[in-house]
Amino acid sequence: MRFAVMQVWDSYKIGMFANVMKYSMFKTFANKYKTNVRRIKDRFFQGGNFTVEYQTKSGNKQAMFCNKGFKRKLDAMSAEVSLLAAVSEIRQVQQLEKPRQTGTV
């Protein structure tokens, strides 16, 4: 049961990270065009998606910011994936707990 709760929490954290990245992008565009985030949203949102048009040799193209969200997956690809963070955390704690050696001569 604990594994299922971790999956929900992981998709939540990824979603929160995506929000931070999206608003960081809005602020970067606002700074580049010397305006505010509201005007950037008005300018670049098309049909509810943040869309940037750009030119290439073959013509105009569009790039959209991912707007699908991050759904929870019920089956893990590998059980080891979720354990990697825990192993890393344990190693960090072990390094902190090592007695400090003083170099007295």
C-alpha atoms as a PDB file:
ATOM      1  CA  MET A   1       0.000   0.000   0.000  1.00  0.00           C
ATOM      2  CA  ARG A   2       2.858   2.356   0.749  1.00  0.00           C
ATOM      3  CA  PHE A   3       4.095   2.027  -2.835  1.00  0.00           C
ATOM      4  CA  ALA A   4       0.727   3.250  -4.216  1.00  0.00           C
ATOM      5  CA  VAL A   5       0.820   6.301  -1.950  1.00  0.00           C
ATOM      6  CA  MET A   6       4.346   7.125  -3.153  1.00  0.00           C
ATOM      7  CA  GLN A   7       3.160   7.004  -6.777  1.00  0.00           C
ATOM      8  CA  VAL A   8       0.400   9.532  -6.062  1.00  0.00           C
ATOM      9  CA  TRP A   9       2.843  11.776  -4.224  1.00  0.00           C
ATOM     10  CA  ASP A  10       5.388  11.550  -7.057  1.00  0.00           C
ATOM     11  CA  SER A  11       2.856  12.617  -9.711  1.00  0.00           C
ATOM     12  CA  TYR A  12       1.811  15.481  -7.422  1.00  0.00           C
ATOM     13  CA  LYS A  13       5.422  16.636  -7.052  1.00  0.00           C
ATOM     14  CA  ILE A  14       6.013  16.461 -10.806  1.00  0.00           C
ATOM     15  CA  GLY A  15       2.884  18.533 -11.377  1.00  0.00           C
ATOM     16  CA  MET A  16       4.035  21.142  -8.872  1.00  0.00           C
ATOM     17  CA  PHE A  17       7.462  21.263 -10.524  1.00  0.00           C
ATOM     18  CA  ALA A  18       5.804  21.727 -13.942  1.00  0.00           C
ATOM     19  CA  ASN A  19       3.820  24.672 -12.531  1.00  0.00           C
ATOM     20  CA  VAL A  20       6.979  26.317 -11.229  1.00  0.00           C
ATOM     21  CA  MET A  21       8.681  25.823 -14.592  1.00  0.00           C
ATOM     22  CA  LYS A  22       5.675  27.198 -16.496  1.00  0.00           C
ATOM     23  CA  TYR A  23       5.477  30.385 -14.434  1.00  0.00           C
ATOM     24  CA  SER A  24       9.241  30.765 -14.632  1.00  0.00           C
ATOM     25  CA  MET A  25       8.902  30.647 -18.414  1.00  0.00           C
ATOM     26  CA  PHE A  26       6.138  33.296 -18.278  1.00  0.00           C
ATOM     27  CA  LYS A  27       8.381  35.552 -16.199  1.00  0.00           C
ATOM     28  CA  THR A  28      11.316  35.007 -18.567  1.00  0.00           C
ATOM     29  CA  PHE A  29       9.179  35.981 -21.562  1.00  0.00           C
ATOM     30  CA  ALA A  30       7.818  39.001 -19.664  1.00  0.00           C
ATOM     31  CA  ASN A  31      11.341  40.156 -18.870  1.00  0.00           C
ATOM     32  CA  LYS A  32      12.499  39.591 -22.456  1.00  0.00           C
ATOM     33  CA  TYR A  33       9.645  41.655 -23.906  1.00  0.00           C
ATOM     34  CA  LYS A  34       9.706  44.188 -21.028  1.00  0.00           C
ATOM     35  CA  THR A  35       6.097  43.624 -20.006  1.00  0.00           C
ATOM     36  CA  ASN A  36       4.181  41.661 -17.375  1.00  0.00           C
ATOM     37  CA  VAL A  37       3.007  38.048 -17.137  1.00  0.00           C
ATOM     38  CA  ARG A  38      -0.645  38.935 -17.822  1.00  0.00           C
ATOM     39  CA  ARG A  39       0.233  40.507 -21.188  1.00  0.00           C
ATOM     40  CA  ILE A  40       2.471  37.565 -22.088  1.00  0.00           C
ATOM     41  CA  LYS A  41      -0.431  35.195 -21.416  1.00  0.00           C
ATOM     42  CA  ASP A  42      -2.756  37.340 -23.554  1.00  0.00           C
ATOM     43  CA  ARG A  43      -0.227  37.363 -26.381  1.00  0.00           C
ATOM     44  CA  PHE A  44       0.882  33.719 -26.444  1.00  0.00           C
ATOM     45  CA  PHE A  45      -2.180  31.691 -25.333  1.00  0.00           C
ATOM     46  CA  GLN A  46      -4.110  30.159 -28.221  1.00  0.00           C
ATOM     47  CA  GLY A  47      -7.043  27.873 -27.461  1.00  0.00           C
ATOM     48  CA  GLY A  48      -5.998  27.478 -23.832  1.00  0.00           C
ATOM     49  CA  ASN A  49      -2.431  26.412 -24.688  1.00  0.00           C
ATOM     50  CA  PHE A  50       0.735  28.452 -24.381  1.00  0.00           C
ATOM     51  CA  THR A  51       1.919  28.521 -27.999  1.00  0.00           C
ATOM     52  CA  VAL A  52       5.023  30.142 -29.466  1.00  0.00           C
ATOM     53  CA  GLU A  53       5.299  30.616 -33.218  1.00  0.00           C
ATOM     54  CA  TYR A  54       8.727  30.657 -34.848  1.00  0.00           C
ATOM     55  CA  GLN A  55      10.144  30.689 -38.358  1.00  0.00           C
ATOM     56  CA  THR A  56      12.257  27.995 -39.985  1.00  0.00           C
ATOM     57  CA  LYS A  57      13.587  27.577 -43.507  1.00  0.00           C
ATOM     58  CA  SER A  58      10.597  25.373 -44.322  1.00  0.00           C
ATOM     59  CA  GLY A  59       8.052  27.888 -42.950  1.00  0.00           C
ATOM     60  CA  ASN A  60       6.330  28.885 -39.727  1.00  0.00           C
ATOM     61  CA  LYS A  61       6.034  26.359 -36.908  1.00  0.00           C
ATOM     62  CA  GLN A  62       4.467  26.318 -33.465  1.00  0.00           C
ATOM     63  CA  ALA A  63       5.676  24.964 -30.154  1.00  0.00           C
ATOM     64  CA  MET A  64       3.192  24.316 -27.330  1.00  0.00           C
ATOM     65  CA  PHE A  65       3.872  23.986 -23.629  1.00  0.00           C
ATOM     66  CA  CYS A  66       2.759  20.579 -22.339  1.00  0.00           C
ATOM     67  CA  ASN A  67      -0.731  21.027 -20.931  1.00  0.00           C
ATOM     68  CA  LYS A  68      -1.802  17.412 -20.369  1.00  0.00           C
ATOM     69  CA  GLY A  69      -0.847  17.046 -16.714  1.00  0.00           C
ATOM     70  CA  PHE A  70       0.801  14.071 -15.074  1.00  0.00           C
ATOM     71  CA  LYS A  71      -1.522  11.190 -14.371  1.00  0.00           C
ATOM     72  CA  ARG A  72      -0.803   8.552 -11.786  1.00  0.00           C
ATOM     73  CA  LYS A  73       0.334   5.233 -13.188  1.00  0.00           C
ATOM     74  CA  LEU A  74      -0.862   2.171 -11.330  1.00  0.00           C
ATOM     75  CA  ASP A  75       1.927  -0.136 -12.508  1.00  0.00           C
ATOM     76  CA  ALA A  76       5.527   0.835 -11.881  1.00  0.00           C
ATOM     77  CA  MET A  77       8.062   0.218 -14.611  1.00  0.00           C
ATOM     78  CA  SER A  78      10.519  -1.059 -12.032  1.00  0.00           C
ATOM     79  CA  ALA A  79      10.372  -1.270  -8.263  1.00  0.00           C
ATOM     80  CA  GLU A  80      13.965  -0.070  -8.090  1.00  0.00           C
ATOM     81  CA  VAL A  81      13.073   3.377  -9.446  1.00  0.00           C
ATOM     82  CA  SER A  82      11.313   4.502  -6.274  1.00  0.00           C
ATOM     83  CA  LEU A  83      14.058   3.057  -4.099  1.00  0.00           C
ATOM     84  CA  LEU A  84      16.864   5.103  -5.658  1.00  0.00           C
ATOM     85  CA  ALA A  85      15.961   8.270  -3.769  1.00  0.00           C
ATOM     86  CA  ALA A  86      15.746   6.378  -0.473  1.00  0.00           C
ATOM     87  CA  VAL A  87      19.162   4.769  -1.005  1.00  0.00           C
ATOM     88  CA  SER A  88      20.694   8.144  -1.805  1.00  0.00           C
ATOM     89  CA  GLU A  89      19.142   9.633   1.331  1.00  0.00           C
ATOM     90  CA  ILE A  90      20.494   6.813   3.512  1.00  0.00           C
ATOM     91  CA  ARG A  91      23.998   7.314   2.118  1.00  0.00           C
ATOM     92  CA  GLN A  92      23.860  11.036   2.863  1.00  0.00           C
ATOM     93  CA  VAL A  93      22.792  10.373   6.448  1.00  0.00           C
ATOM     94  CA  GLN A  94      25.546   7.787   6.871  1.00  0.00           C
ATOM     95  CA  GLN A  95      28.140  10.272   5.654  1.00  0.00           C
ATOM     96  CA  LEU A  96      26.884  12.881   8.106  1.00  0.00           C
ATOM     97  CA  GLU A  97      27.014  10.410  10.999  1.00  0.00           C
ATOM     98  CA  LYS A  98      30.663   9.456  10.436  1.00  0.00           C
ATOM     99  CA  PRO A  99      32.874  10.695  13.264  1.00  0.00           C
ATOM    100  CA  ARG A 100      34.927  13.695  12.294  1.00  0.00           C
ATOM    101  CA  GLN A 101      38.631  12.979  12.221  1.00  0.00           C
ATOM    102  CA  THR A 102      40.806  15.772  13.481  1.00  0.00           C
ATOM    103  CA  GLY A 103      44.281  16.160  12.110  1.00  0.00           C
ATOM    104  CA  THR A 104      46.248  16.754  15.332  1.00  0.00           C
ATOM    105  CA  VAL A 105      49.933  16.035  14.966  1.00  0.00           C
END
